[in-house]
Full PDB file with SEQRES, HELIX, SHEET, SSBOND, CRYST1, ORIGX, SCALE, CONECT and MASTER records, all heavy atoms in Angstrom:
SEQRES   1 A   43  ALA LYS ASN THR ILE TYR LEU GLN MET ASN SER LEU LYS          
SEQRES   2 A   43  PRO GLU ASP ALA ALA VAL TYR TYR CYS ALA ALA TYR LEU          
SEQRES   3 A   43  PHE GLY ASP SER THR TRP SER SER TRP GLY GLN GLY THR          
SEQRES   4 A   43  GLN VAL THR VAL                                              
HELIX    1 AA1 PRO A   14  ASP A   16  5                                   3    
SHEET    1 AA1 2 ALA A  18  TYR A  20  0                                        
SHEET    2 AA1 2 THR A  39  VAL A  41 -1                                        
SHEET    1 AA2 2 ALA A  23  ALA A  24  0                                        
SHEET    2 AA2 2 SER A  34  TRP A  35 -1                                        
CRYST1    1.000    1.000    1.000  90.00  90.00  90.00 P 1           1          
ORIGX1      1.000000  0.000000  0.000000        0.00000                         
ORIGX2      0.000000  1.000000  0.000000        0.00000                         
ORIGX3      0.000000  0.000000  1.000000        0.00000                         
SCALE1      1.000000  0.000000  0.000000        0.00000                         
SCALE2      0.000000  1.000000  0.000000        0.00000                         
SCALE3      0.000000  0.000000  1.000000        0.00000                         
ATOM      1  N   ALA A   1      44.375  50.186-140.609  1.00  0.00           N  
ATOM      2  CA  ALA A   1      45.424  51.067-141.107  1.00  0.00           C  
ATOM      3  C   ALA A   1      46.580  50.299-141.732  1.00  0.00           C  
ATOM      4  O   ALA A   1      47.251  50.800-142.631  1.00  0.00           O  
ATOM      5  CB  ALA A   1      45.938  51.965-139.988  1.00  0.00           C  
ATOM      6  N   LYS A   2      46.816  49.073-141.255  1.00  0.00           N  
ATOM      7  CA  LYS A   2      47.905  48.249-141.765  1.00  0.00           C  
ATOM      8  C   LYS A   2      47.440  47.203-142.766  1.00  0.00           C  
ATOM      9  O   LYS A   2      48.253  46.410-143.240  1.00  0.00           O  
ATOM     10  CB  LYS A   2      48.628  47.559-140.612  1.00  0.00           C  
ATOM     11  CG  LYS A   2      49.345  48.502-139.676  1.00  0.00           C  
ATOM     12  CD  LYS A   2      50.066  47.734-138.582  1.00  0.00           C  
ATOM     13  CE  LYS A   2      50.822  48.672-137.660  1.00  0.00           C  
ATOM     14  NZ  LYS A   2      51.521  47.934-136.574  1.00  0.00           N  
ATOM     15  N   ASN A   3      46.153  47.187-143.079  1.00  0.00           N  
ATOM     16  CA  ASN A   3      45.584  46.185-143.986  1.00  0.00           C  
ATOM     17  C   ASN A   3      45.957  44.769-143.548  1.00  0.00           C  
ATOM     18  O   ASN A   3      46.359  43.930-144.361  1.00  0.00           O  
ATOM     19  CB  ASN A   3      46.055  46.423-145.421  1.00  0.00           C  
ATOM     20  CG  ASN A   3      45.301  47.537-146.109  1.00  0.00           C  
ATOM     21  OD1 ASN A   3      44.505  48.230-145.492  1.00  0.00           O  
ATOM     22  ND2 ASN A   3      45.553  47.714-147.402  1.00  0.00           N  
ATOM     23  N   THR A   4      45.807  44.515-142.261  1.00  0.00           N  
ATOM     24  CA  THR A   4      46.286  43.272-141.680  1.00  0.00           C  
ATOM     25  C   THR A   4      45.286  42.701-140.690  1.00  0.00           C  
ATOM     26  O   THR A   4      44.628  43.444-139.957  1.00  0.00           O  
ATOM     27  CB  THR A   4      47.630  43.498-140.964  1.00  0.00           C  
ATOM     28  OG1 THR A   4      48.589  44.013-141.892  1.00  0.00           O  
ATOM     29  CG2 THR A   4      48.161  42.207-140.365  1.00  0.00           C  
ATOM     30  N   ILE A   5      45.163  41.370-140.681  1.00  0.00           N  
ATOM     31  CA  ILE A   5      44.445  40.692-139.616  1.00  0.00           C  
ATOM     32  C   ILE A   5      45.415  39.772-138.888  1.00  0.00           C  
ATOM     33  O   ILE A   5      46.449  39.376-139.434  1.00  0.00           O  
ATOM     34  CB  ILE A   5      43.224  39.889-140.113  1.00  0.00           C  
ATOM     35  CG1 ILE A   5      43.659  38.725-141.016  1.00  0.00           C  
ATOM     36  CG2 ILE A   5      42.236  40.800-140.812  1.00  0.00           C  
ATOM     37  CD1 ILE A   5      42.561  37.695-141.219  1.00  0.00           C  
ATOM     38  N   TYR A   6      45.055  39.428-137.658  1.00  0.00           N  
ATOM     39  CA  TYR A   6      45.902  38.603-136.818  1.00  0.00           C  
ATOM     40  C   TYR A   6      45.104  37.456-136.235  1.00  0.00           C  
ATOM     41  O   TYR A   6      43.887  37.521-136.097  1.00  0.00           O  
ATOM     42  CB  TYR A   6      46.484  39.420-135.667  1.00  0.00           C  
ATOM     43  CG  TYR A   6      47.224  40.660-136.101  1.00  0.00           C  
ATOM     44  CD1 TYR A   6      46.586  41.891-136.143  1.00  0.00           C  
ATOM     45  CD2 TYR A   6      48.562  40.592-136.471  1.00  0.00           C  
ATOM     46  CE1 TYR A   6      47.263  43.032-136.545  1.00  0.00           C  
ATOM     47  CE2 TYR A   6      49.246  41.727-136.871  1.00  0.00           C  
ATOM     48  CZ  TYR A   6      48.596  42.941-136.905  1.00  0.00           C  
ATOM     49  OH  TYR A   6      49.271  44.067-137.304  1.00  0.00           O  
ATOM     50  N   LEU A   7      45.814  36.411-135.879  1.00  0.00           N  
ATOM     51  CA  LEU A   7      45.228  35.320-135.122  1.00  0.00           C  
ATOM     52  C   LEU A   7      46.150  35.032-133.950  1.00  0.00           C  
ATOM     53  O   LEU A   7      47.233  34.469-134.133  1.00  0.00           O  
ATOM     54  CB  LEU A   7      45.044  34.065-135.978  1.00  0.00           C  
ATOM     55  CG  LEU A   7      44.328  32.906-135.286  1.00  0.00           C  
ATOM     56  CD1 LEU A   7      42.863  33.265-135.031  1.00  0.00           C  
ATOM     57  CD2 LEU A   7      44.427  31.624-136.111  1.00  0.00           C  
ATOM     58  N   GLN A   8      45.736  35.454-132.764  1.00  0.00           N  
ATOM     59  CA  GLN A   8      46.490  35.179-131.552  1.00  0.00           C  
ATOM     60  C   GLN A   8      46.076  33.815-131.037  1.00  0.00           C  
ATOM     61  O   GLN A   8      44.907  33.603-130.716  1.00  0.00           O  
ATOM     62  CB  GLN A   8      46.224  36.249-130.496  1.00  0.00           C  
ATOM     63  CG  GLN A   8      46.937  36.019-129.172  1.00  0.00           C  
ATOM     64  CD  GLN A   8      48.438  36.107-129.299  1.00  0.00           C  
ATOM     65  OE1 GLN A   8      48.959  37.047-129.900  1.00  0.00           O  
ATOM     66  NE2 GLN A   8      49.145  35.132-128.752  1.00  0.00           N  
ATOM     67  N   MET A   9      47.015  32.898-130.957  1.00  0.00           N  
ATOM     68  CA  MET A   9      46.738  31.533-130.554  1.00  0.00           C  
ATOM     69  C   MET A   9      47.424  31.256-129.224  1.00  0.00           C  
ATOM     70  O   MET A   9      48.650  31.322-129.125  1.00  0.00           O  
ATOM     71  CB  MET A   9      47.216  30.544-131.615  1.00  0.00           C  
ATOM     72  CG  MET A   9      46.640  30.807-133.001  1.00  0.00           C  
ATOM     73  SD  MET A   9      47.126  29.554-134.220  1.00  0.00           S  
ATOM     74  CE  MET A   9      48.891  29.888-134.324  1.00  0.00           C  
ATOM     75  N   ASN A  10      46.640  30.954-128.208  1.00  0.00           N  
ATOM     76  CA  ASN A  10      47.143  30.643-126.880  1.00  0.00           C  
ATOM     77  C   ASN A  10      46.779  29.214-126.505  1.00  0.00           C  
ATOM     78  O   ASN A  10      45.886  28.616-127.090  1.00  0.00           O  
ATOM     79  CB  ASN A  10      46.569  31.607-125.842  1.00  0.00           C  
ATOM     80  CG  ASN A  10      46.948  33.046-126.090  1.00  0.00           C  
ATOM     81  OD1 ASN A  10      48.047  33.335-126.561  1.00  0.00           O  
ATOM     82  ND2 ASN A  10      46.045  33.966-125.752  1.00  0.00           N  
ATOM     83  N   SER A  11      47.470  28.693-125.509  1.00  0.00           N  
ATOM     84  CA  SER A  11      47.207  27.342-125.005  1.00  0.00           C  
ATOM     85  C   SER A  11      47.161  26.325-126.138  1.00  0.00           C  
ATOM     86  O   SER A  11      46.241  25.507-126.235  1.00  0.00           O  
ATOM     87  CB  SER A  11      45.893  27.319-124.215  1.00  0.00           C  
ATOM     88  OG  SER A  11      45.938  28.216-123.125  1.00  0.00           O  
ATOM     89  N   LEU A  12      48.159  26.369-126.995  1.00  0.00           N  
ATOM     90  CA  LEU A  12      48.171  25.523-128.182  1.00  0.00           C  
ATOM     91  C   LEU A  12      48.263  24.049-127.825  1.00  0.00           C  
ATOM     92  O   LEU A  12      48.953  23.661-126.873  1.00  0.00           O  
ATOM     93  CB  LEU A  12      49.322  25.918-129.094  1.00  0.00           C  
ATOM     94  CG  LEU A  12      49.063  27.184-129.912  1.00  0.00           C  
ATOM     95  CD1 LEU A  12      50.364  27.758-130.441  1.00  0.00           C  
ATOM     96  CD2 LEU A  12      48.105  26.870-131.060  1.00  0.00           C  
ATOM     97  N   LYS A  13      47.560  23.244-128.593  1.00  0.00           N  
ATOM     98  CA  LYS A  13      47.507  21.802-128.426  1.00  0.00           C  
ATOM     99  C   LYS A  13      48.062  21.121-129.670  1.00  0.00           C  
ATOM    100  O   LYS A  13      48.076  21.715-130.746  1.00  0.00           O  
ATOM    101  CB  LYS A  13      46.059  21.345-128.209  1.00  0.00           C  
ATOM    102  CG  LYS A  13      45.333  22.044-127.079  1.00  0.00           C  
ATOM    103  CD  LYS A  13      43.869  21.627-127.047  1.00  0.00           C  
ATOM    104  CE  LYS A  13      43.121  22.327-125.944  1.00  0.00           C  
ATOM    105  NZ  LYS A  13      41.687  21.936-125.927  1.00  0.00           N  
ATOM    106  N   PRO A  14      48.503  19.868-129.556  1.00  0.00           N  
ATOM    107  CA  PRO A  14      48.987  19.152-130.735  1.00  0.00           C  
ATOM    108  C   PRO A  14      47.974  19.121-131.875  1.00  0.00           C  
ATOM    109  O   PRO A  14      48.370  19.165-133.043  1.00  0.00           O  
ATOM    110  CB  PRO A  14      49.274  17.744-130.197  1.00  0.00           C  
ATOM    111  CG  PRO A  14      49.623  17.967-128.772  1.00  0.00           C  
ATOM    112  CD  PRO A  14      48.714  19.088-128.322  1.00  0.00           C  
ATOM    113  N   GLU A  15      46.697  19.052-131.567  1.00  0.00           N  
ATOM    114  CA  GLU A  15      45.672  19.017-132.599  1.00  0.00           C  
ATOM    115  C   GLU A  15      45.506  20.341-133.340  1.00  0.00           C  
ATOM    116  O   GLU A  15      44.788  20.412-134.338  1.00  0.00           O  
ATOM    117  CB  GLU A  15      44.319  18.566-132.031  1.00  0.00           C  
ATOM    118  CG  GLU A  15      43.875  19.341-130.806  1.00  0.00           C  
ATOM    119  CD  GLU A  15      44.199  18.613-129.516  1.00  0.00           C  
ATOM    120  OE1 GLU A  15      45.328  18.091-129.395  1.00  0.00           O  
ATOM    121  OE2 GLU A  15      43.327  18.562-128.625  1.00  0.00           O  
ATOM    122  N   ASP A  16      46.164  21.396-132.859  1.00  0.00           N  
ATOM    123  CA  ASP A  16      46.157  22.672-133.562  1.00  0.00           C  
ATOM    124  C   ASP A  16      47.187  22.720-134.686  1.00  0.00           C  
ATOM    125  O   ASP A  16      47.179  23.661-135.486  1.00  0.00           O  
ATOM    126  CB  ASP A  16      46.431  23.832-132.597  1.00  0.00           C  
ATOM    127  CG  ASP A  16      45.331  24.013-131.576  1.00  0.00           C  
ATOM    128  OD1 ASP A  16      44.144  23.909-131.941  1.00  0.00           O  
ATOM    129  OD2 ASP A  16      45.670  24.276-130.394  1.00  0.00           O  
ATOM    130  N   ALA A  17      48.077  21.753-134.735  1.00  0.00           N  
ATOM    131  CA  ALA A  17      49.108  21.728-135.763  1.00  0.00           C  
ATOM    132  C   ALA A  17      48.481  21.587-137.141  1.00  0.00           C  
ATOM    133  O   ALA A  17      47.666  20.696-137.379  1.00  0.00           O  
ATOM    134  CB  ALA A  17      50.087  20.585-135.506  1.00  0.00           C  
ATOM    135  N   ALA A  18      48.838  22.472-138.043  1.00  0.00           N  
ATOM    136  CA  ALA A  18      48.268  22.483-139.385  1.00  0.00           C  
ATOM    137  C   ALA A  18      48.903  23.603-140.187  1.00  0.00           C  
ATOM    138  O   ALA A  18      49.652  24.424-139.651  1.00  0.00           O  
ATOM    139  CB  ALA A  18      46.748  22.687-139.332  1.00  0.00           C  
ATOM    140  N   VAL A  19      48.596  23.630-141.474  1.00  0.00           N  
ATOM    141  CA  VAL A  19      48.894  24.797-142.282  1.00  0.00           C  
ATOM    142  C   VAL A  19      47.713  25.748-142.143  1.00  0.00           C  
ATOM    143  O   VAL A  19      46.567  25.359-142.368  1.00  0.00           O  
ATOM    144  CB  VAL A  19      49.119  24.443-143.763  1.00  0.00           C  
ATOM    145  CG1 VAL A  19      49.337  25.703-144.589  1.00  0.00           C  
ATOM    146  CG2 VAL A  19      50.314  23.505-143.903  1.00  0.00           C  
ATOM    147  N   TYR A  20      47.988  26.972-141.755  1.00  0.00           N  
ATOM    148  CA  TYR A  20      46.943  27.962-141.548  1.00  0.00           C  
ATOM    149  C   TYR A  20      46.868  28.897-142.746  1.00  0.00           C  
ATOM    150  O   TYR A  20      47.883  29.429-143.203  1.00  0.00           O  
ATOM    151  CB  TYR A  20      47.207  28.761-140.264  1.00  0.00           C  
ATOM    152  CG  TYR A  20      46.840  28.002-139.016  1.00  0.00           C  
ATOM    153  CD1 TYR A  20      47.588  26.911-138.611  1.00  0.00           C  
ATOM    154  CD2 TYR A  20      45.730  28.372-138.255  1.00  0.00           C  
ATOM    155  CE1 TYR A  20      47.237  26.189-137.477  1.00  0.00           C  
ATOM    156  CE2 TYR A  20      45.379  27.669-137.120  1.00  0.00           C  
ATOM    157  CZ  TYR A  20      46.131  26.578-136.734  1.00  0.00           C  
ATOM    158  OH  TYR A  20      45.786  25.870-135.605  1.00  0.00           O  
ATOM    159  N   TYR A  21      45.649  29.103-143.239  1.00  0.00           N  
ATOM    160  CA  TYR A  21      45.411  29.922-144.415  1.00  0.00           C  
ATOM    161  C   TYR A  21      44.539  31.123-144.071  1.00  0.00           C  
ATOM    162  O   TYR A  21      43.587  31.005-143.301  1.00  0.00           O  
ATOM    163  CB  TYR A  21      44.702  29.123-145.512  1.00  0.00           C  
ATOM    164  CG  TYR A  21      45.478  27.950-146.045  1.00  0.00           C  
ATOM    165  CD1 TYR A  21      45.360  26.692-145.472  1.00  0.00           C  
ATOM    166  CD2 TYR A  21      46.323  28.101-147.139  1.00  0.00           C  
ATOM    167  CE1 TYR A  21      46.066  25.610-145.961  1.00  0.00           C  
ATOM    168  CE2 TYR A  21      47.030  27.024-147.636  1.00  0.00           C  
ATOM    169  CZ  TYR A  21      46.898  25.783-147.051  1.00  0.00           C  
ATOM    170  OH  TYR A  21      47.596  24.705-147.542  1.00  0.00           O  
ATOM    171  N   CYS A  22      44.859  32.244-144.662  1.00  0.00           N  
ATOM    172  CA  CYS A  22      44.023  33.429-144.595  1.00  0.00           C  
ATOM    173  C   CYS A  22      43.126  33.457-145.825  1.00  0.00           C  
ATOM    174  O   CYS A  22      43.555  33.077-146.920  1.00  0.00           O  
ATOM    175  CB  CYS A  22      44.905  34.678-144.544  1.00  0.00           C  
ATOM    176  SG  CYS A  22      44.023  36.234-144.392  1.00  0.00           S  
ATOM    177  N   ALA A  23      41.885  33.890-145.661  1.00  0.00           N  
ATOM    178  CA  ALA A  23      40.946  33.945-146.770  1.00  0.00           C  
ATOM    179  C   ALA A  23      40.096  35.201-146.700  1.00  0.00           C  
ATOM    180  O   ALA A  23      39.887  35.760-145.618  1.00  0.00           O  
ATOM    181  CB  ALA A  23      40.043  32.710-146.761  1.00  0.00           C  
ATOM    182  N   ALA A  24      39.609  35.627-147.858  1.00  0.00           N  
ATOM    183  CA  ALA A  24      38.786  36.825-147.955  1.00  0.00           C  
ATOM    184  C   ALA A  24      37.426  36.514-148.551  1.00  0.00           C  
ATOM    185  O   ALA A  24      37.313  35.702-149.480  1.00  0.00           O  
ATOM    186  CB  ALA A  24      39.480  37.889-148.805  1.00  0.00           C  
ATOM    187  N   TYR A  25      36.403  37.144-148.001  1.00  0.00           N  
ATOM    188  CA  TYR A  25      35.051  37.073-148.520  1.00  0.00           C  
ATOM    189  C   TYR A  25      34.686  38.488-148.960  1.00  0.00           C  
ATOM    190  O   TYR A  25      34.705  39.411-148.153  1.00  0.00           O  
ATOM    191  CB  TYR A  25      34.086  36.581-147.444  1.00  0.00           C  
ATOM    192  CG  TYR A  25      32.794  36.003-147.958  1.00  0.00           C  
ATOM    193  CD1 TYR A  25      32.521  34.647-147.803  1.00  0.00           C  
ATOM    194  CD2 TYR A  25      31.851  36.805-148.583  1.00  0.00           C  
ATOM    195  CE1 TYR A  25      31.337  34.107-148.261  1.00  0.00           C  
ATOM    196  CE2 TYR A  25      30.668  36.264-149.052  1.00  0.00           C  
ATOM    197  CZ  TYR A  25      30.412  34.911-148.882  1.00  0.00           C  
ATOM    198  OH  TYR A  25      29.240  34.373-149.337  1.00  0.00           O  
ATOM    199  N   LEU A  26      34.361  38.626-150.241  1.00  0.00           N  
ATOM    200  CA  LEU A  26      34.103  39.937-150.815  1.00  0.00           C  
ATOM    201  C   LEU A  26      32.620  40.167-151.055  1.00  0.00           C  
ATOM    202  O   LEU A  26      31.874  39.229-151.326  1.00  0.00           O  
ATOM    203  CB  LEU A  26      34.846  40.095-152.143  1.00  0.00           C  
ATOM    204  CG  LEU A  26      36.351  39.807-152.143  1.00  0.00           C  
ATOM    205  CD1 LEU A  26      36.902  40.007-153.550  1.00  0.00           C  
ATOM    206  CD2 LEU A  26      37.072  40.701-151.154  1.00  0.00           C  
ATOM    207  N   PHE A  27      32.204  41.420-150.970  1.00  0.00           N  
ATOM    208  CA  PHE A  27      30.855  41.769-151.382  1.00  0.00           C  
ATOM    209  C   PHE A  27      30.667  41.371-152.837  1.00  0.00           C  
ATOM    210  O   PHE A  27      31.524  41.633-153.680  1.00  0.00           O  
ATOM    211  CB  PHE A  27      30.615  43.272-151.232  1.00  0.00           C  
ATOM    212  CG  PHE A  27      30.498  43.744-149.822  1.00  0.00           C  
ATOM    213  CD1 PHE A  27      31.510  44.488-149.235  1.00  0.00           C  
ATOM    214  CD2 PHE A  27      29.369  43.462-149.075  1.00  0.00           C  
ATOM    215  CE1 PHE A  27      31.404  44.938-147.937  1.00  0.00           C  
ATOM    216  CE2 PHE A  27      29.245  43.901-147.769  1.00  0.00           C  
ATOM    217  CZ  PHE A  27      30.272  44.642-147.199  1.00  0.00           C  
ATOM    218  N   GLY A  28      29.553  40.726-153.129  1.00  0.00           N  
ATOM    219  CA  GLY A  28      29.265  40.287-154.483  1.00  0.00           C  
ATOM    220  C   GLY A  28      29.696  38.869-154.785  1.00  0.00           C  
ATOM    221  O   GLY A  28      29.309  38.311-155.812  1.00  0.00           O  
ATOM    222  N   ASP A  29      30.500  38.260-153.922  1.00  0.00           N  
ATOM    223  CA  ASP A  29      30.911  36.874-154.087  1.00  0.00           C  
ATOM    224  C   ASP A  29      30.005  35.964-153.276  1.00  0.00           C  
ATOM    225  O   ASP A  29      29.346  36.396-152.327  1.00  0.00           O  
ATOM    226  CB  ASP A  29      32.364  36.679-153.661  1.00  0.00           C  
ATOM    227  CG  ASP A  29      33.351  37.271-154.642  1.00  0.00           C  
ATOM    228  OD1 ASP A  29      32.953  37.634-155.756  1.00  0.00           O  
ATOM    229  OD2 ASP A  29      34.544  37.387-154.270  1.00  0.00           O  
ATOM    230  N   SER A  30      29.991  34.685-153.639  1.00  0.00           N  
ATOM    231  CA  SER A  30      29.135  33.721-152.974  1.00  0.00           C  
ATOM    232  C   SER A  30      29.879  32.823-151.988  1.00  0.00           C  
ATOM    233  O   SER A  30      29.265  32.009-151.297  1.00  0.00           O  
ATOM    234  CB  SER A  30      28.421  32.851-154.008  1.00  0.00           C  
ATOM    235  OG  SER A  30      29.350  32.151-154.803  1.00  0.00           O  
ATOM    236  N   THR A  31      31.191  32.962-151.928  1.00  0.00           N  
ATOM    237  CA  THR A  31      31.995  32.135-151.041  1.00  0.00           C  
ATOM    238  C   THR A  31      33.327  32.828-150.776  1.00  0.00           C  
ATOM    239  O   THR A  31      33.586  33.915-151.281  1.00  0.00           O  
ATOM    240  CB  THR A  31      32.218  30.744-151.662  1.00  0.00           C  
ATOM    241  OG1 THR A  31      32.851  29.879-150.712  1.00  0.00           O  
ATOM    242  CG2 THR A  31      33.086  30.854-152.913  1.00  0.00           C  
ATOM    243  N   TRP A  32      34.164  32.188-149.968  1.00  0.00           N  
ATOM    244  CA  TRP A  32      35.522  32.677-149.753  1.00  0.00           C  
ATOM    245  C   TRP A  32      36.268  32.552-151.082  1.00  0.00           C  
ATOM    246  O   TRP A  32      36.415  31.453-151.618  1.00  0.00           O  
ATOM    247  CB  TRP A  32      36.216  31.870-148.666  1.00  0.00           C  
ATOM    248  CG  TRP A  32      35.514  31.951-147.346  1.00  0.00           C  
ATOM    249  CD1 TRP A  32      34.517  31.141-146.881  1.00  0.00           C  
ATOM    250  CD2 TRP A  32      35.766  32.922-146.323  1.00  0.00           C  
ATOM    251  NE1 TRP A  32      34.120  31.553-145.633  1.00  0.00           N  
ATOM    252  CE2 TRP A  32      34.878  32.635-145.260  1.00  0.00           C  
ATOM    253  CE3 TRP A  32      36.650  33.991-146.189  1.00  0.00           C  
ATOM    254  CZ2 TRP A  32      34.851  33.392-144.088  1.00  0.00           C  
ATOM    255  CZ3 TRP A  32      36.619  34.742-145.023  1.00  0.00           C  
ATOM    256  CH2 TRP A  32      35.731  34.439-143.993  1.00  0.00           C  
ATOM    257  N   SER A  33      36.727  33.658-151.625  1.00  0.00           N  
ATOM    258  CA  SER A  33      37.219  33.687-152.997  1.00  0.00           C  
ATOM    259  C   SER A  33      38.719  33.916-153.151  1.00  0.00           C  
ATOM    260  O   SER A  33      39.277  33.646-154.216  1.00  0.00           O  
ATOM    261  CB  SER A  33      36.477  34.755-153.794  1.00  0.00           C  
ATOM    262  OG  SER A  33      36.646  36.037-153.216  1.00  0.00           O  
ATOM    263  N   SER A  34      39.371  34.431-152.127  1.00  0.00           N  
ATOM    264  CA  SER A  34      40.805  34.692-152.191  1.00  0.00           C  
ATOM    265  C   SER A  34      41.504  33.996-151.034  1.00  0.00           C  
ATOM    266  O   SER A  34      41.019  34.031-149.903  1.00  0.00           O  
ATOM    267  CB  SER A  34      41.093  36.197-152.140  1.00  0.00           C  
ATOM    268  OG  SER A  34      40.511  36.871-153.244  1.00  0.00           O  
ATOM    269  N   TRP A  35      42.638  33.388-151.335  1.00  0.00           N  
ATOM    270  CA  TRP A  35      43.372  32.604-150.340  1.00  0.00           C  
ATOM    271  C   TRP A  35      44.855  32.914-150.379  1.00  0.00           C  
ATOM    272  O   TRP A  35      45.426  33.156-151.441  1.00  0.00           O  
ATOM    273  CB  TRP A  35      43.178  31.104-150.587  1.00  0.00           C  
ATOM    274  CG  TRP A  35      41.766  30.644-150.428  1.00  0.00           C  
ATOM    275  CD1 TRP A  35      40.771  30.707-151.352  1.00  0.00           C  
ATOM    276  CD2 TRP A  35      41.200  30.047-149.264  1.00  0.00           C  
ATOM    277  NE1 TRP A  35      39.604  30.199-150.841  1.00  0.00           N  
ATOM    278  CE2 TRP A  35      39.838  29.776-149.557  1.00  0.00           C  
ATOM    279  CE3 TRP A  35      41.695  29.709-148.008  1.00  0.00           C  
ATOM    280  CZ2 TRP A  35      38.983  29.190-148.634  1.00  0.00           C  
ATOM    281  CZ3 TRP A  35      40.840  29.119-147.088  1.00  0.00           C  
ATOM    282  CH2 TRP A  35      39.504  28.864-147.403  1.00  0.00           C  
ATOM    283  N   GLY A  36      45.477  32.887-149.205  1.00  0.00           N  
ATOM    284  CA  GLY A  36      46.916  32.975-149.137  1.00  0.00           C  
ATOM    285  C   GLY A  36      47.543  31.616-149.368  1.00  0.00           C  
ATOM    286  O   GLY A  36      46.860  30.612-149.587  1.00  0.00           O  
ATOM    287  N   GLN A  37      48.859  31.562-149.309  1.00  0.00           N  
ATOM    288  CA  GLN A  37      49.587  30.324-149.568  1.00  0.00           C  
ATOM    289  C   GLN A  37      49.754  29.453-148.326  1.00  0.00           C  
ATOM    290  O   GLN A  37      50.125  28.292-148.434  1.00  0.00           O  
ATOM    291  CB  GLN A  37      50.958  30.633-150.166  1.00  0.00           C  
ATOM    292  CG  GLN A  37      50.888  31.290-151.536  1.00  0.00           C  
ATOM    293  CD  GLN A  37      50.152  30.431-152.535  1.00  0.00           C  
ATOM    294  OE1 GLN A  37      50.481  29.255-152.725  1.00  0.00           O  
ATOM    295  NE2 GLN A  37      49.147  31.000-153.185  1.00  0.00           N  
ATOM    296  N   GLY A  38      49.479  30.004-147.155  1.00  0.00           N  
ATOM    297  CA  GLY A  38      49.523  29.243-145.928  1.00  0.00           C  
ATOM    298  C   GLY A  38      50.810  29.426-145.146  1.00  0.00           C  
ATOM    299  O   GLY A  38      51.856  29.737-145.706  1.00  0.00           O  
ATOM    300  N   THR A  39      50.716  29.217-143.841  1.00  0.00           N  
ATOM    301  CA  THR A  39      51.872  29.243-142.964  1.00  0.00           C  
ATOM    302  C   THR A  39      51.771  28.067-141.991  1.00  0.00           C  
ATOM    303  O   THR A  39      50.712  27.793-141.440  1.00  0.00           O  
ATOM    304  CB  THR A  39      51.983  30.591-142.214  1.00  0.00           C  
ATOM    305  OG1 THR A  39      53.194  30.635-141.460  1.00  0.00           O  
ATOM    306  CG2 THR A  39      50.795  30.825-141.287  1.00  0.00           C  
ATOM    307  N   GLN A  40      52.878  27.368-141.812  1.00  0.00           N  
ATOM    308  CA  GLN A  40      52.887  26.127-141.035  1.00  0.00           C  
ATOM    309  C   GLN A  40      52.976  26.404-139.541  1.00  0.00           C  
ATOM    310  O   GLN A  40      53.831  27.171-139.088  1.00  0.00           O  
ATOM    311  CB  GLN A  40      54.069  25.253-141.463  1.00  0.00           C  
ATOM    312  CG  GLN A  40      54.209  23.963-140.661  1.00  0.00           C  
ATOM    313  CD  GLN A  40      53.147  22.952-141.009  1.00  0.00           C  
ATOM    314  OE1 GLN A  40      52.957  22.624-142.176  1.00  0.00           O  
ATOM    315  NE2 GLN A  40      52.446  22.457-139.990  1.00  0.00           N  
ATOM    316  N   VAL A  41      52.095  25.760-138.795  1.00  0.00           N  
ATOM    317  CA  VAL A  41      52.139  25.796-137.333  1.00  0.00           C  
ATOM    318  C   VAL A  41      52.377  24.375-136.841  1.00  0.00           C  
ATOM    319  O   VAL A  41      51.608  23.467-137.150  1.00  0.00           O  
ATOM    320  CB  VAL A  41      50.837  26.353-136.733  1.00  0.00           C  
ATOM    321  CG1 VAL A  41      50.831  26.190-135.211  1.00  0.00           C  
ATOM    322  CG2 VAL A  41      50.663  27.816-137.118  1.00  0.00           C  
ATOM    323  N   THR A  42      53.447  24.180-136.087  1.00  0.00           N  
ATOM    324  CA  THR A  42      53.782  22.881-135.534  1.00  0.00           C  
ATOM    325  C   THR A  42      53.756  22.961-134.015  1.00  0.00           C  
ATOM    326  O   THR A  42      54.349  23.861-133.425  1.00  0.00           O  
ATOM    327  CB  THR A  42      55.170  22.425-136.011  1.00  0.00           C  
ATOM    328  OG1 THR A  42      55.204  22.383-137.443  1.00  0.00           O  
ATOM    329  CG2 THR A  42      55.499  21.045-135.462  1.00  0.00           C  
ATOM    330  N   VAL A  43      53.065  22.024-133.385  1.00  0.00           N  
ATOM    331  CA  VAL A  43      52.946  21.987-131.930  1.00  0.00           C  
ATOM    332  C   VAL A  43      53.495  20.651-131.454  1.00  0.00           C  
ATOM    333  O   VAL A  43      53.039  19.598-131.883  1.00  0.00           O  
ATOM    334  CB  VAL A  43      51.491  22.157-131.465  1.00  0.00           C  
ATOM    335  CG1 VAL A  43      51.428  22.215-129.945  1.00  0.00           C  
ATOM    336  CG2 VAL A  43      50.877  23.408-132.082  1.00  0.00           C  
TER     337      VAL A  43                                                      
MASTER        0    0    0    1    4    0    0    6  336    1    0    4          
END                                                                             
């Protein structure tokens, strides 16, 4: 209903630190074809 996905991250570790990107796979495409700009996670 909100056109939204979430990623709940618990028990975060230093190795989880990264820029996290959302991506879409569409019917008719052969790979992940759409990408967001990313959001920084620092642990």
